[in-house]
Amino acid sequence: MTWLILISLLTIGLILVITEILFVPGTTLVGILGVFVTIGGIYYAFISFDNQFAWIILGLTLLLNFSVLVYGFRSGVWKKFALKESITSRAFDDRLLGLEVGMEGKTISDLKPIGKAEFLNRIFEVKSNSGFISVGSKVFITKLENNTIIVKK
């Protein structure tokens, strides 16, 4: 039974450290818990077995943990778990390019206060600053802010 407890503690500690590296990097809580569980397993070895055997367990544990981490990073196993792509879009895009304050358009849906309107033969989502505007009404752009088109009748 003592072997089962020892192996369980050491394995759970290693799994928690690997989980910290792969799935929740930056929190350090899981990694610290993994280190404490591993230290607890080593402590359990020292109180359950003789000192010479416990030192062997300590050495093997350190060697195994280090070997698994080095092998994982060198073999690229961890790359399958990590996101490699980065976001390429911009916060400001050219959707509103060509639109100007005062430009006239036509609603193609009811604005309650948000709906769709057509400007420059393109359809945009717009927001009315004067409440409800029915479909087919002429609207004018009053403000362009944060990729939002604000219109009035």
C-alpha atoms as a PDB file:
ATOM      1  CA  MET A   1       0.000   0.000   0.000  1.00  0.00           C
ATOM      2  CA  THR A   2       2.860   2.386   0.735  1.00  0.00           C
ATOM      3  CA  TRP A   3       4.181   1.848  -2.781  1.00  0.00           C
ATOM      4  CA  LEU A   4       0.813   2.761  -4.276  1.00  0.00           C
ATOM      5  CA  ILE A   5       0.617   5.963  -2.238  1.00  0.00           C
ATOM      6  CA  LEU A   6       4.192   6.915  -3.123  1.00  0.00           C
ATOM      7  CA  ILE A   7       3.769   6.294  -6.852  1.00  0.00           C
ATOM      8  CA  SER A   8       0.410   8.095  -6.854  1.00  0.00           C
ATOM      9  CA  LEU A   9       1.818  11.194  -5.168  1.00  0.00           C
ATOM     10  CA  LEU A  10       4.807  11.390  -7.490  1.00  0.00           C
ATOM     11  CA  THR A  11       2.699  10.794 -10.612  1.00  0.00           C
ATOM     12  CA  ILE A  12       0.051  13.340  -9.624  1.00  0.00           C
ATOM     13  CA  GLY A  13       2.781  15.886  -8.912  1.00  0.00           C
ATOM     14  CA  LEU A  14       4.314  15.359 -12.359  1.00  0.00           C
ATOM     15  CA  ILE A  15       0.908  15.567 -14.061  1.00  0.00           C
ATOM     16  CA  LEU A  16       0.111  18.836 -12.281  1.00  0.00           C
ATOM     17  CA  VAL A  17       3.423  20.392 -13.321  1.00  0.00           C
ATOM     18  CA  ILE A  18       2.866  19.321 -16.939  1.00  0.00           C
ATOM     19  CA  THR A  19      -0.684  20.684 -16.767  1.00  0.00           C
ATOM     20  CA  GLU A  20       0.686  24.021 -15.581  1.00  0.00           C
ATOM     21  CA  ILE A  21       3.068  24.189 -18.512  1.00  0.00           C
ATOM     22  CA  LEU A  22       0.534  23.151 -21.161  1.00  0.00           C
ATOM     23  CA  PHE A  23      -2.920  24.283 -20.191  1.00  0.00           C
ATOM     24  CA  VAL A  24      -2.788  27.020 -17.561  1.00  0.00           C
ATOM     25  CA  PRO A  25       0.508  28.837 -17.994  1.00  0.00           C
ATOM     26  CA  GLY A  26       0.893  32.001 -16.007  1.00  0.00           C
ATOM     27  CA  THR A  27      -1.336  31.080 -13.095  1.00  0.00           C
ATOM     28  CA  THR A  28       1.420  29.126 -11.297  1.00  0.00           C
ATOM     29  CA  LEU A  29      -1.158  27.759  -8.843  1.00  0.00           C
ATOM     30  CA  VAL A  30      -1.337  24.338 -10.506  1.00  0.00           C
ATOM     31  CA  GLY A  31       2.444  24.199 -10.908  1.00  0.00           C
ATOM     32  CA  ILE A  32       3.061  25.081  -7.268  1.00  0.00           C
ATOM     33  CA  LEU A  33       0.494  22.485  -6.213  1.00  0.00           C
ATOM     34  CA  GLY A  34       2.295  19.923  -8.407  1.00  0.00           C
ATOM     35  CA  VAL A  35       5.633  20.761  -6.810  1.00  0.00           C
ATOM     36  CA  PHE A  36       4.119  20.480  -3.315  1.00  0.00           C
ATOM     37  CA  VAL A  37       2.528  17.111  -4.141  1.00  0.00           C
ATOM     38  CA  THR A  38       5.868  15.864  -5.490  1.00  0.00           C
ATOM     39  CA  ILE A  39       7.672  17.122  -2.371  1.00  0.00           C
ATOM     40  CA  GLY A  40       4.972  15.429  -0.295  1.00  0.00           C
ATOM     41  CA  GLY A  41       5.639  12.179  -2.146  1.00  0.00           C
ATOM     42  CA  ILE A  42       9.355  12.469  -1.478  1.00  0.00           C
ATOM     43  CA  TYR A  43       8.668  13.269   2.196  1.00  0.00           C
ATOM     44  CA  TYR A  44       6.394  10.217   2.325  1.00  0.00           C
ATOM     45  CA  ALA A  45       9.271   8.125   0.954  1.00  0.00           C
ATOM     46  CA  PHE A  46      11.558   9.381   3.732  1.00  0.00           C
ATOM     47  CA  ILE A  47       9.083   8.546   6.516  1.00  0.00           C
ATOM     48  CA  SER A  48       7.942   5.212   5.047  1.00  0.00           C
ATOM     49  CA  PHE A  49      11.232   3.703   3.891  1.00  0.00           C
ATOM     50  CA  ASP A  50      14.833   3.776   5.058  1.00  0.00           C
ATOM     51  CA  ASN A  51      16.949   6.826   4.212  1.00  0.00           C
ATOM     52  CA  GLN A  52      19.071   5.166   1.558  1.00  0.00           C
ATOM     53  CA  PHE A  53      16.015   4.028  -0.396  1.00  0.00           C
ATOM     54  CA  ALA A  54      14.343   7.429   0.048  1.00  0.00           C
ATOM     55  CA  TRP A  55      17.397   9.163  -1.447  1.00  0.00           C
ATOM     56  CA  ILE A  56      17.170   6.815  -4.412  1.00  0.00           C
ATOM     57  CA  ILE A  57      13.484   7.738  -4.792  1.00  0.00           C
ATOM     58  CA  LEU A  58      14.410  11.430  -4.645  1.00  0.00           C
ATOM     59  CA  GLY A  59      17.074  11.033  -7.331  1.00  0.00           C
ATOM     60  CA  LEU A  60      14.825   8.973  -9.576  1.00  0.00           C
ATOM     61  CA  THR A  61      11.970  11.447  -9.166  1.00  0.00           C
ATOM     62  CA  LEU A  62      14.132  14.414 -10.091  1.00  0.00           C
ATOM     63  CA  LEU A  63      15.651  12.517 -13.012  1.00  0.00           C
ATOM     64  CA  LEU A  64      12.254  11.352 -14.288  1.00  0.00           C
ATOM     65  CA  ASN A  65      10.617  14.779 -13.989  1.00  0.00           C
ATOM     66  CA  PHE A  66      13.546  16.492 -15.699  1.00  0.00           C
ATOM     67  CA  SER A  67      13.709  13.824 -18.431  1.00  0.00           C
ATOM     68  CA  VAL A  68       9.995  14.038 -19.207  1.00  0.00           C
ATOM     69  CA  LEU A  69      10.107  17.817 -19.494  1.00  0.00           C
ATOM     70  CA  VAL A  70      13.266  17.857 -21.636  1.00  0.00           C
ATOM     71  CA  TYR A  71      11.950  15.091 -23.898  1.00  0.00           C
ATOM     72  CA  GLY A  72       8.631  16.842 -24.265  1.00  0.00           C
ATOM     73  CA  PHE A  73      10.140  20.164 -25.258  1.00  0.00           C
ATOM     74  CA  ARG A  74      12.700  18.650 -27.637  1.00  0.00           C
ATOM     75  CA  SER A  75      10.346  16.230 -29.370  1.00  0.00           C
ATOM     76  CA  GLY A  76       7.669  18.820 -30.066  1.00  0.00           C
ATOM     77  CA  VAL A  77       4.957  16.894 -28.229  1.00  0.00           C
ATOM     78  CA  TRP A  78       3.882  20.081 -26.453  1.00  0.00           C
ATOM     79  CA  LYS A  79       3.454  21.936 -29.765  1.00  0.00           C
ATOM     80  CA  LYS A  80       0.356  19.876 -30.492  1.00  0.00           C
ATOM     81  CA  PHE A  81      -1.280  21.328 -27.398  1.00  0.00           C
ATOM     82  CA  ALA A  82      -0.286  24.964 -27.855  1.00  0.00           C
ATOM     83  CA  LEU A  83      -1.780  27.554 -30.188  1.00  0.00           C
ATOM     84  CA  LYS A  84       0.758  28.555 -32.826  1.00  0.00           C
ATOM     85  CA  GLU A  85      -1.228  31.163 -34.712  1.00  0.00           C
ATOM     86  CA  SER A  86      -1.497  34.784 -33.778  1.00  0.00           C
ATOM     87  CA  ILE A  87      -4.249  37.280 -34.410  1.00  0.00           C
ATOM     88  CA  THR A  88      -3.576  39.221 -37.576  1.00  0.00           C
ATOM     89  CA  SER A  89      -6.642  41.428 -37.681  1.00  0.00           C
ATOM     90  CA  ARG A  90      -6.527  45.046 -36.668  1.00  0.00           C
ATOM     91  CA  ALA A  91      -8.655  46.947 -34.218  1.00  0.00           C
ATOM     92  CA  PHE A  92      -9.404  49.514 -36.902  1.00  0.00           C
ATOM     93  CA  ASP A  93     -10.300  48.204 -40.315  1.00  0.00           C
ATOM     94  CA  ASP A  94     -11.459  49.820 -43.517  1.00  0.00           C
ATOM     95  CA  ARG A  95     -15.160  48.941 -43.312  1.00  0.00           C
ATOM     96  CA  LEU A  96     -16.107  52.601 -42.972  1.00  0.00           C
ATOM     97  CA  LEU A  97     -13.692  53.782 -45.645  1.00  0.00           C
ATOM     98  CA  GLY A  98     -15.377  56.302 -47.942  1.00  0.00           C
ATOM     99  CA  LEU A  99     -18.149  57.202 -45.509  1.00  0.00           C
ATOM    100  CA  GLU A 100     -18.363  60.773 -44.288  1.00  0.00           C
ATOM    101  CA  VAL A 101     -20.512  62.734 -41.880  1.00  0.00           C
ATOM    102  CA  GLY A 102     -23.495  64.216 -43.736  1.00  0.00           C
ATOM    103  CA  MET A 103     -23.640  61.455 -46.345  1.00  0.00           C
ATOM    104  CA  GLU A 104     -27.163  60.393 -47.357  1.00  0.00           C
ATOM    105  CA  GLY A 105     -28.320  56.786 -47.391  1.00  0.00           C
ATOM    106  CA  LYS A 106     -31.440  54.652 -47.259  1.00  0.00           C
ATOM    107  CA  THR A 107     -32.571  52.259 -44.549  1.00  0.00           C
ATOM    108  CA  ILE A 108     -33.131  48.701 -45.709  1.00  0.00           C
ATOM    109  CA  SER A 109     -34.479  47.542 -42.352  1.00  0.00           C
ATOM    110  CA  ASP A 110     -36.245  49.228 -39.471  1.00  0.00           C
ATOM    111  CA  LEU A 111     -33.840  50.994 -37.120  1.00  0.00           C
ATOM    112  CA  LYS A 112     -34.945  50.168 -33.560  1.00  0.00           C
ATOM    113  CA  PRO A 113     -32.466  51.961 -32.926  1.00  0.00           C
ATOM    114  CA  ILE A 114     -30.037  49.581 -34.661  1.00  0.00           C
ATOM    115  CA  GLY A 115     -30.596  48.241 -38.153  1.00  0.00           C
ATOM    116  CA  LYS A 116     -29.185  48.237 -41.664  1.00  0.00           C
ATOM    117  CA  ALA A 117     -28.784  51.052 -44.153  1.00  0.00           C
ATOM    118  CA  GLU A 118     -27.245  51.405 -47.585  1.00  0.00           C
ATOM    119  CA  PHE A 119     -24.486  53.910 -48.343  1.00  0.00           C
ATOM    120  CA  LEU A 120     -22.290  53.888 -51.475  1.00  0.00           C
ATOM    121  CA  ASN A 121     -24.124  50.757 -52.724  1.00  0.00           C
ATOM    122  CA  ARG A 122     -22.894  48.863 -49.645  1.00  0.00           C
ATOM    123  CA  ILE A 123     -24.906  47.725 -46.646  1.00  0.00           C
ATOM    124  CA  PHE A 124     -23.823  48.810 -43.163  1.00  0.00           C
ATOM    125  CA  GLU A 125     -25.116  48.282 -39.667  1.00  0.00           C
ATOM    126  CA  VAL A 126     -26.160  51.664 -38.324  1.00  0.00           C
ATOM    127  CA  LYS A 127     -27.520  53.125 -35.112  1.00  0.00           C
ATOM    128  CA  SER A 128     -30.194  55.779 -34.961  1.00  0.00           C
ATOM    129  CA  ASN A 129     -29.710  58.624 -32.515  1.00  0.00           C
ATOM    130  CA  SER A 130     -33.372  59.575 -32.807  1.00  0.00           C
ATOM    131  CA  GLY A 131     -35.080  56.289 -31.968  1.00  0.00           C
ATOM    132  CA  PHE A 132     -37.187  54.300 -34.446  1.00  0.00           C
ATOM    133  CA  ILE A 133     -36.757  54.900 -38.183  1.00  0.00           C
ATOM    134  CA  SER A 134     -38.827  52.826 -40.615  1.00  0.00           C
ATOM    135  CA  VAL A 135     -37.515  50.866 -43.585  1.00  0.00           C
ATOM    136  CA  GLY A 136     -37.030  52.843 -46.815  1.00  0.00           C
ATOM    137  CA  SER A 137     -36.386  56.172 -45.063  1.00  0.00           C
ATOM    138  CA  LYS A 138     -33.612  58.563 -46.033  1.00  0.00           C
ATOM    139  CA  VAL A 139     -30.985  58.901 -43.322  1.00  0.00           C
ATOM    140  CA  PHE A 140     -27.903  61.045 -42.874  1.00  0.00           C
ATOM    141  CA  ILE A 141     -24.678  60.114 -41.111  1.00  0.00           C
ATOM    142  CA  THR A 142     -24.209  62.290 -38.036  1.00  0.00           C
ATOM    143  CA  LYS A 143     -21.190  60.598 -36.485  1.00  0.00           C
ATOM    144  CA  LEU A 144     -18.613  57.865 -37.200  1.00  0.00           C
ATOM    145  CA  GLU A 145     -17.042  56.449 -34.046  1.00  0.00           C
ATOM    146  CA  ASN A 146     -15.393  53.131 -33.201  1.00  0.00           C
ATOM    147  CA  ASN A 147     -16.628  51.464 -36.404  1.00  0.00           C
ATOM    148  CA  THR A 148     -20.184  52.539 -35.544  1.00  0.00           C
ATOM    149  CA  ILE A 149     -22.256  54.629 -37.921  1.00  0.00           C
ATOM    150  CA  ILE A 150     -24.731  56.931 -36.171  1.00  0.00           C
ATOM    151  CA  VAL A 151     -27.538  58.288 -38.345  1.00  0.00           C
ATOM    152  CA  LYS A 152     -30.584  60.539 -38.123  1.00  0.00           C
ATOM    153  CA  LYS A 153     -33.681  60.911 -40.283  1.00  0.00           C
END
